[in-house]
Amino acid sequence: MTDTSGSRTQRPAVANDRAVIGVILASLASIALNSVIAALASAALPDGGVRMGLELKEYAPLTVAGVLIGTLVWHVVRSRARDPRAVLRVLVPVAVLVSFVPDFGILSAGATLLNSLALIAMHVVVAAVTVPMLLKVLPLSRSDR
């Protein structure tokens, strides 16, 4: 048997079921909070105006996709980066800012600024819910702190 324990930095082991439960809970919490944002924005938008992304069937699948993609990227960075905390400290805010691009793009399709800002708030909510969950279920090693 060959000893490969010194060839790679070891990350804390996490049970798959704990990560899956975390993803499900983050998705549900994000959808619930995004529903509040969508309801408030919809109530404030003028009747007959263009509404984009404020229906549950529009934002719920994208919310889940955001949590899943964020979790996948977190896992890859956690397992491959020399200093995952430093990488994620930059990557998470940049990813959230990039996610705003389509939210401003809907303005050219006739949506209101309020509609756009509601979608931006939804992206912030997903990140704000998902990152703490990931720190619990896919923690960074103590040496990375």
C-alpha atoms as a PDB file:
ATOM      1  CA  MET A   1       0.000   0.000   0.000  1.00  0.00           C
ATOM      2  CA  THR A   2       1.304   3.455  -0.883  1.00  0.00           C
ATOM      3  CA  ASP A   3       1.035   6.310   1.586  1.00  0.00           C
ATOM      4  CA  THR A   4      -0.248   9.422  -0.200  1.00  0.00           C
ATOM      5  CA  SER A   5      -1.291  11.313   2.923  1.00  0.00           C
ATOM      6  CA  GLY A   6       1.474  13.897   2.584  1.00  0.00           C
ATOM      7  CA  SER A   7       0.871  14.613  -1.088  1.00  0.00           C
ATOM      8  CA  ARG A   8      -2.228  16.734  -0.614  1.00  0.00           C
ATOM      9  CA  THR A   9      -3.653  19.138   1.906  1.00  0.00           C
ATOM     10  CA  GLN A  10      -6.516  17.425   3.698  1.00  0.00           C
ATOM     11  CA  ARG A  11      -9.854  19.221   3.952  1.00  0.00           C
ATOM     12  CA  PRO A  12     -12.339  18.416   6.709  1.00  0.00           C
ATOM     13  CA  ALA A  13     -14.551  15.485   5.834  1.00  0.00           C
ATOM     14  CA  VAL A  14     -18.263  16.241   5.614  1.00  0.00           C
ATOM     15  CA  ALA A  15     -21.060  13.735   5.245  1.00  0.00           C
ATOM     16  CA  ASN A  16     -22.847  14.035   1.907  1.00  0.00           C
ATOM     17  CA  ASP A  17     -26.243  13.976   3.585  1.00  0.00           C
ATOM     18  CA  ARG A  18     -25.349  17.020   5.681  1.00  0.00           C
ATOM     19  CA  ALA A  19     -24.394  18.965   2.552  1.00  0.00           C
ATOM     20  CA  VAL A  20     -27.559  17.879   0.752  1.00  0.00           C
ATOM     21  CA  ILE A  21     -29.720  18.932   3.692  1.00  0.00           C
ATOM     22  CA  GLY A  22     -27.879  22.259   3.803  1.00  0.00           C
ATOM     23  CA  VAL A  23     -28.492  22.864   0.099  1.00  0.00           C
ATOM     24  CA  ILE A  24     -32.182  22.016   0.476  1.00  0.00           C
ATOM     25  CA  LEU A  25     -32.591  24.290   3.503  1.00  0.00           C
ATOM     26  CA  ALA A  26     -30.679  27.147   1.845  1.00  0.00           C
ATOM     27  CA  SER A  27     -32.828  26.768  -1.264  1.00  0.00           C
ATOM     28  CA  LEU A  28     -36.078  26.781   0.725  1.00  0.00           C
ATOM     29  CA  ALA A  29     -35.013  29.732   2.888  1.00  0.00           C
ATOM     30  CA  SER A  30     -33.863  31.689  -0.175  1.00  0.00           C
ATOM     31  CA  ILE A  31     -37.117  30.980  -2.023  1.00  0.00           C
ATOM     32  CA  ALA A  32     -39.143  32.056   1.023  1.00  0.00           C
ATOM     33  CA  LEU A  33     -37.216  35.326   1.384  1.00  0.00           C
ATOM     34  CA  ASN A  34     -37.303  35.931  -2.370  1.00  0.00           C
ATOM     35  CA  SER A  35     -41.072  35.431  -2.259  1.00  0.00           C
ATOM     36  CA  VAL A  36     -41.322  38.284   0.242  1.00  0.00           C
ATOM     37  CA  ILE A  37     -39.191  40.497  -2.012  1.00  0.00           C
ATOM     38  CA  ALA A  38     -41.287  39.569  -5.059  1.00  0.00           C
ATOM     39  CA  ALA A  39     -44.552  40.250  -3.217  1.00  0.00           C
ATOM     40  CA  LEU A  40     -43.375  43.636  -1.977  1.00  0.00           C
ATOM     41  CA  ALA A  41     -42.064  44.628  -5.409  1.00  0.00           C
ATOM     42  CA  SER A  42     -45.196  43.410  -7.177  1.00  0.00           C
ATOM     43  CA  ALA A  43     -47.409  45.367  -4.789  1.00  0.00           C
ATOM     44  CA  ALA A  44     -45.398  48.521  -5.447  1.00  0.00           C
ATOM     45  CA  LEU A  45     -45.240  48.162  -9.233  1.00  0.00           C
ATOM     46  CA  PRO A  46     -47.906  49.934 -11.288  1.00  0.00           C
ATOM     47  CA  ASP A  47     -50.700  47.788 -12.721  1.00  0.00           C
ATOM     48  CA  GLY A  48     -50.184  46.755 -16.322  1.00  0.00           C
ATOM     49  CA  GLY A  49     -46.448  47.409 -16.205  1.00  0.00           C
ATOM     50  CA  VAL A  50     -43.820  44.962 -17.374  1.00  0.00           C
ATOM     51  CA  ARG A  51     -42.894  42.490 -14.638  1.00  0.00           C
ATOM     52  CA  MET A  52     -39.934  40.197 -15.103  1.00  0.00           C
ATOM     53  CA  GLY A  53     -38.686  37.472 -12.799  1.00  0.00           C
ATOM     54  CA  LEU A  54     -41.145  38.168  -9.993  1.00  0.00           C
ATOM     55  CA  GLU A  55     -43.293  35.063 -10.390  1.00  0.00           C
ATOM     56  CA  LEU A  56     -42.490  31.999  -8.268  1.00  0.00           C
ATOM     57  CA  LYS A  57     -42.188  29.831 -11.385  1.00  0.00           C
ATOM     58  CA  GLU A  58     -39.520  32.228 -12.688  1.00  0.00           C
ATOM     59  CA  TYR A  59     -37.352  32.802  -9.630  1.00  0.00           C
ATOM     60  CA  ALA A  60     -37.669  29.519  -7.688  1.00  0.00           C
ATOM     61  CA  PRO A  61     -35.790  27.339 -10.224  1.00  0.00           C
ATOM     62  CA  LEU A  62     -33.149  30.036 -10.651  1.00  0.00           C
ATOM     63  CA  THR A  63     -32.791  30.341  -6.880  1.00  0.00           C
ATOM     64  CA  VAL A  64     -32.170  26.602  -6.578  1.00  0.00           C
ATOM     65  CA  ALA A  65     -29.743  26.760  -9.508  1.00  0.00           C
ATOM     66  CA  GLY A  66     -27.868  29.599  -7.791  1.00  0.00           C
ATOM     67  CA  VAL A  67     -27.549  27.620  -4.565  1.00  0.00           C
ATOM     68  CA  LEU A  68     -26.398  24.510  -6.457  1.00  0.00           C
ATOM     69  CA  ILE A  69     -23.880  26.364  -8.625  1.00  0.00           C
ATOM     70  CA  GLY A  70     -22.552  28.245  -5.615  1.00  0.00           C
ATOM     71  CA  THR A  71     -22.181  24.987  -3.705  1.00  0.00           C
ATOM     72  CA  LEU A  72     -20.362  23.317  -6.587  1.00  0.00           C
ATOM     73  CA  VAL A  73     -17.951  26.238  -6.998  1.00  0.00           C
ATOM     74  CA  TRP A  74     -17.414  26.364  -3.213  1.00  0.00           C
ATOM     75  CA  HIS A  75     -16.571  22.638  -3.203  1.00  0.00           C
ATOM     76  CA  VAL A  76     -14.113  22.987  -6.098  1.00  0.00           C
ATOM     77  CA  VAL A  77     -12.385  26.009  -4.559  1.00  0.00           C
ATOM     78  CA  ARG A  78     -12.329  24.342  -1.139  1.00  0.00           C
ATOM     79  CA  SER A  79     -10.704  21.209  -2.499  1.00  0.00           C
ATOM     80  CA  ARG A  80      -8.260  22.745  -4.996  1.00  0.00           C
ATOM     81  CA  ALA A  81      -7.225  26.221  -3.910  1.00  0.00           C
ATOM     82  CA  ARG A  82      -4.159  26.650  -1.733  1.00  0.00           C
ATOM     83  CA  ASP A  83      -5.995  29.345   0.252  1.00  0.00           C
ATOM     84  CA  PRO A  84      -9.730  28.807  -0.363  1.00  0.00           C
ATOM     85  CA  ARG A  85     -10.757  31.481   2.126  1.00  0.00           C
ATOM     86  CA  ALA A  86      -8.821  34.142   0.207  1.00  0.00           C
ATOM     87  CA  VAL A  87     -10.209  32.923  -3.125  1.00  0.00           C
ATOM     88  CA  LEU A  88     -13.792  32.871  -1.857  1.00  0.00           C
ATOM     89  CA  ARG A  89     -13.401  36.279  -0.207  1.00  0.00           C
ATOM     90  CA  VAL A  90     -12.956  37.687  -3.722  1.00  0.00           C
ATOM     91  CA  LEU A  91     -14.969  35.212  -5.783  1.00  0.00           C
ATOM     92  CA  VAL A  92     -18.270  35.422  -3.883  1.00  0.00           C
ATOM     93  CA  PRO A  93     -18.704  39.218  -4.142  1.00  0.00           C
ATOM     94  CA  VAL A  94     -17.563  39.206  -7.773  1.00  0.00           C
ATOM     95  CA  ALA A  95     -20.044  36.438  -8.638  1.00  0.00           C
ATOM     96  CA  VAL A  96     -22.873  38.341  -6.930  1.00  0.00           C
ATOM     97  CA  LEU A  97     -21.964  41.541  -8.784  1.00  0.00           C
ATOM     98  CA  VAL A  98     -21.834  39.693 -12.113  1.00  0.00           C
ATOM     99  CA  SER A  99     -25.278  38.235 -11.361  1.00  0.00           C
ATOM    100  CA  PHE A 100     -26.644  41.809 -11.394  1.00  0.00           C
ATOM    101  CA  VAL A 101     -25.896  42.240 -15.113  1.00  0.00           C
ATOM    102  CA  PRO A 102     -29.117  40.591 -16.374  1.00  0.00           C
ATOM    103  CA  ASP A 103     -31.076  42.455 -13.694  1.00  0.00           C
ATOM    104  CA  PHE A 104     -30.052  45.746 -15.245  1.00  0.00           C
ATOM    105  CA  GLY A 105     -30.560  44.272 -18.710  1.00  0.00           C
ATOM    106  CA  ILE A 106     -34.287  43.894 -18.122  1.00  0.00           C
ATOM    107  CA  LEU A 107     -34.571  47.669 -18.023  1.00  0.00           C
ATOM    108  CA  SER A 108     -34.074  47.725 -21.797  1.00  0.00           C
ATOM    109  CA  ALA A 109     -36.992  45.294 -22.118  1.00  0.00           C
ATOM    110  CA  GLY A 110     -39.322  47.749 -20.392  1.00  0.00           C
ATOM    111  CA  ALA A 111     -39.111  46.614 -16.777  1.00  0.00           C
ATOM    112  CA  THR A 112     -38.990  49.267 -14.083  1.00  0.00           C
ATOM    113  CA  LEU A 113     -36.006  50.120 -11.920  1.00  0.00           C
ATOM    114  CA  LEU A 114     -37.935  48.751  -8.922  1.00  0.00           C
ATOM    115  CA  ASN A 115     -38.325  45.406 -10.709  1.00  0.00           C
ATOM    116  CA  SER A 116     -34.602  45.358 -11.431  1.00  0.00           C
ATOM    117  CA  LEU A 117     -33.695  46.271  -7.848  1.00  0.00           C
ATOM    118  CA  ALA A 118     -35.975  43.522  -6.522  1.00  0.00           C
ATOM    119  CA  LEU A 119     -34.100  40.951  -8.600  1.00  0.00           C
ATOM    120  CA  ILE A 120     -30.783  42.336  -7.369  1.00  0.00           C
ATOM    121  CA  ALA A 121     -32.030  41.975  -3.793  1.00  0.00           C
ATOM    122  CA  MET A 122     -32.967  38.363  -4.563  1.00  0.00           C
ATOM    123  CA  HIS A 123     -29.403  37.611  -5.664  1.00  0.00           C
ATOM    124  CA  VAL A 124     -28.023  39.155  -2.496  1.00  0.00           C
ATOM    125  CA  VAL A 125     -30.442  37.054  -0.426  1.00  0.00           C
ATOM    126  CA  VAL A 126     -29.330  33.825  -2.102  1.00  0.00           C
ATOM    127  CA  ALA A 127     -25.680  34.624  -1.374  1.00  0.00           C
ATOM    128  CA  ALA A 128     -26.448  35.780   2.177  1.00  0.00           C
ATOM    129  CA  VAL A 129     -28.265  32.519   2.933  1.00  0.00           C
ATOM    130  CA  THR A 130     -25.987  30.148   1.020  1.00  0.00           C
ATOM    131  CA  VAL A 131     -22.542  31.294   2.204  1.00  0.00           C
ATOM    132  CA  PRO A 132     -23.200  30.749   5.952  1.00  0.00           C
ATOM    133  CA  MET A 133     -24.758  27.372   5.152  1.00  0.00           C
ATOM    134  CA  LEU A 134     -21.678  26.376   3.170  1.00  0.00           C
ATOM    135  CA  LEU A 135     -19.399  27.445   5.996  1.00  0.00           C
ATOM    136  CA  LYS A 136     -21.257  24.954   8.201  1.00  0.00           C
ATOM    137  CA  VAL A 137     -21.634  21.984   5.858  1.00  0.00           C
ATOM    138  CA  LEU A 138     -18.486  22.423   3.748  1.00  0.00           C
ATOM    139  CA  PRO A 139     -16.197  24.198   6.195  1.00  0.00           C
ATOM    140  CA  LEU A 140     -12.817  25.535   5.256  1.00  0.00           C
ATOM    141  CA  SER A 141      -9.921  23.934   7.083  1.00  0.00           C
ATOM    142  CA  ARG A 142      -8.629  25.621  10.230  1.00  0.00           C
ATOM    143  CA  SER A 143      -5.296  26.313   8.572  1.00  0.00           C
ATOM    144  CA  ASP A 144      -7.114  28.526   6.038  1.00  0.00           C
ATOM    145  CA  ARG A 145      -8.480  30.929   8.665  1.00  0.00           C
END
